[in-house]
Protein backbone atom coordinates (compact mmCIF):
# COMPACT_ATOMS: atom_id res chain seq x y z
CA MET A 1 0.52 22.66 -2.98
CA ALA A 2 0.43 18.92 -2.93
CA ASP A 3 1.59 17.08 0.13
CA GLY A 4 5.38 16.89 0.37
CA GLN A 5 6.24 19.56 -2.20
CA LEU A 6 7.32 22.00 0.48
CA LYS A 7 9.59 19.49 2.22
CA PRO A 8 12.64 20.23 -0.02
CA VAL A 9 12.04 23.98 0.40
CA ALA A 10 11.82 23.62 4.18
CA SER A 11 14.95 21.43 4.19
CA LEU A 12 16.92 23.98 2.19
CA LEU A 13 15.78 26.84 4.41
CA LEU A 14 16.58 24.82 7.52
CA VAL A 15 20.15 24.15 6.39
CA LEU A 16 20.57 27.78 5.29
CA ASN A 17 19.26 29.09 8.62
CA PHE A 18 21.48 26.70 10.56
CA CYS A 19 24.58 27.89 8.69
CA MET A 20 23.64 31.54 9.11
CA TYR A 21 22.93 31.16 12.84
CA VAL A 22 26.32 29.46 13.31
CA ILE A 23 28.01 32.36 11.50
CA VAL A 24 26.14 34.84 13.72
CA LEU A 25 27.34 32.90 16.77
CA GLY A 26 30.93 32.98 15.50
CA ILE A 27 30.96 36.72 14.85
CA GLY A 28 29.03 37.42 18.06
CA GLY A 29 31.48 35.29 20.04
CA TRP A 30 34.37 37.23 18.53
CA ALA A 31 32.70 40.54 19.42
CA MET A 32 32.01 39.41 22.98
CA ASN A 33 35.60 38.19 23.41
CA PHE A 34 36.97 41.44 21.96
CA GLY A 35 34.73 43.46 24.25
CA ILE A 36 35.87 41.54 27.32
CA ASP A 37 39.56 41.73 26.38
CA HIS A 38 39.59 45.40 25.41
CA GLY A 39 36.85 46.84 27.62
CA PHE A 40 37.23 48.73 30.86
CA ILE A 41 39.91 47.45 33.22
CA ILE A 42 38.68 47.84 36.76
CA GLY A 43 40.94 46.82 39.57
CA PRO A 44 41.19 47.53 43.30
CA ARG A 45 42.85 50.92 42.76
CA PHE A 46 40.78 52.01 39.76
CA ASN A 47 37.60 54.04 39.98
CA LEU A 48 34.68 53.42 37.68
CA PRO A 49 34.55 55.79 34.70
CA ALA A 50 31.87 58.47 34.87
CA HIS A 51 29.61 56.89 32.25
CA PHE A 52 30.36 53.23 32.89
CA SER A 53 28.09 50.73 31.18
CA PRO A 54 28.32 46.99 31.79
CA ILE A 55 27.41 46.51 28.12
CA TYR A 56 30.33 48.52 26.75
CA PHE A 57 32.10 47.45 23.58
CA PRO A 58 35.24 49.26 22.41
CA MET A 59 34.20 48.86 18.78
CA GLY A 60 30.95 50.04 17.29
CA ASN A 61 28.56 52.49 18.90
CA ALA A 62 26.12 52.73 21.82
CA ALA A 63 23.85 50.00 20.43
CA THR A 64 26.66 47.48 19.88
CA GLY A 65 26.53 45.93 23.35
CA PHE A 66 22.81 45.25 23.21
CA PHE A 67 23.06 44.10 19.59
CA VAL A 68 25.82 41.58 20.32
CA VAL A 69 24.12 40.16 23.41
CA PHE A 70 20.77 39.68 21.70
CA ALA A 71 22.43 38.37 18.53
CA LEU A 72 24.15 35.69 20.61
CA ILE A 73 20.85 34.75 22.27
CA ALA A 74 19.11 34.65 18.89
CA GLY A 75 21.93 32.51 17.49
CA VAL A 76 21.77 29.95 20.29
CA VAL A 77 17.98 29.73 20.18
CA GLY A 78 18.10 29.58 16.36
CA VAL A 79 20.55 26.68 16.34
CA ALA A 80 18.44 24.87 18.93
CA SER A 81 15.31 25.40 16.81
CA THR A 82 17.02 23.91 13.77
CA LEU A 83 17.64 20.71 15.75
CA SER A 84 13.91 20.45 16.32
CA GLY A 85 13.40 21.33 12.67
CA PHE A 86 15.65 18.48 11.51
CA ASN A 87 13.48 16.08 13.49
CA HIS A 88 10.35 17.47 11.83
CA ILE A 89 11.89 17.20 8.36
CA ARG A 90 12.78 13.58 9.11
CA TYR A 91 9.24 12.57 10.09
CA TRP A 92 7.25 15.30 8.28
CA ASN A 93 3.95 14.74 10.05
CA ILE A 94 1.61 16.75 12.21
CA ASP A 95 3.01 15.26 15.43
CA SER A 96 6.50 16.69 14.89
CA LEU A 97 5.19 20.01 13.54
CA GLN A 98 4.22 21.44 16.92
CA ALA A 99 7.70 21.29 18.43
CA ALA A 100 9.40 22.52 15.27
CA ALA A 101 6.96 25.36 14.74
CA SER A 102 7.05 26.61 18.32
CA ALA A 103 10.86 26.50 18.44
CA ALA A 104 11.07 28.27 15.08
CA ILE A 105 8.66 31.01 16.20
CA ILE A 106 10.63 31.60 19.40
CA ALA A 107 13.89 31.75 17.40
CA TRP A 108 12.26 34.13 14.93
CA SER A 109 11.11 36.44 17.75
CA PHE A 110 14.62 36.61 19.21
CA THR A 111 15.99 37.20 15.71
CA LEU A 112 13.56 40.09 15.23
CA LEU A 113 14.65 41.56 18.55
CA ALA A 114 18.31 41.39 17.54
CA THR A 115 17.40 42.81 14.12
CA GLY A 116 15.84 45.80 15.86
CA PHE A 117 19.14 46.49 17.59
CA ALA A 118 20.90 45.96 14.25
CA TRP A 119 18.76 48.69 12.69
CA LYS A 120 19.58 51.00 15.61
CA GLU A 121 23.28 50.25 15.18
CA ILE A 122 23.00 51.01 11.46
CA GLU A 123 21.31 54.32 12.29
CA LEU A 124 24.07 55.34 14.73
CA GLU A 125 26.85 54.32 12.27
CA LEU A 126 30.49 53.86 13.42
CA ARG A 127 30.88 50.08 13.26
CA ASN A 128 33.40 47.67 11.78
CA ALA A 129 33.03 45.17 8.93
CA ARG A 130 32.33 42.18 11.18
CA LEU A 131 29.45 43.94 12.88
CA ILE A 132 28.09 44.99 9.49
CA THR A 133 28.25 41.34 8.41
CA MET A 134 26.40 40.20 11.53
CA GLU A 135 23.74 42.90 10.96
CA ALA A 136 23.23 41.70 7.40
CA PHE A 137 22.96 38.06 8.45
CA LEU A 138 20.36 38.86 11.11
CA ILE A 139 18.30 40.96 8.72
CA ILE A 140 18.36 38.13 6.17
CA LEU A 141 17.58 35.57 8.90
CA SER A 142 14.49 37.57 9.89
CA PHE A 143 13.08 36.87 6.45
CA THR A 144 14.33 33.31 5.89
CA GLN A 145 13.14 32.15 9.32
CA LEU A 146 9.67 33.53 8.56
CA VAL A 147 9.60 31.74 5.19
CA TYR A 148 10.75 28.53 6.92
CA ILE A 149 7.88 28.82 9.41
CA ALA A 150 5.43 29.25 6.54
CA ALA A 151 6.96 26.29 4.67
CA ILE A 152 6.66 23.84 7.56
CA HIS A 153 3.07 24.93 8.13
CA GLY A 154 2.30 24.45 4.45
CA THR A 155 1.77 20.72 4.41
CA SER A 156 2.07 18.10 7.07
CA THR A 157 0.26 14.79 7.09
CA ARG A 158 -1.25 12.58 9.71
CA ARG A 159 0.53 9.32 10.48
């Protein structure tokens, strides 16, 4: 493709990924808050339950705790990578590509890790609609982040 034709595609994917990562952070924050508020209550006179797990969530299944934690990490890293991506879109040269590409690849790797836990959670079933939504967003983000990485590598010019 000619120089600059992928810039609108990369811009659209960047905005889409930013919005989706923010939604993942919102749902993940809700899940974390719900897990803290409705999890085990351990006080001075209470004994630990027999199968106590520090990553216990009262909704979902055994994979929910890991899924929510890694989804939150992926969301934070993804939002941070979009900030670097906005800088690259603004300048659109080889000098800004390195930071944007490395941040996007790191965000994509965390997104793939969270997507793996999403697939495990889907396999185990027993989850609510918000967790299903977060699973879907992370699965879609796995693809759109990869396409964004390919788009920013497509064409960049020297100064």
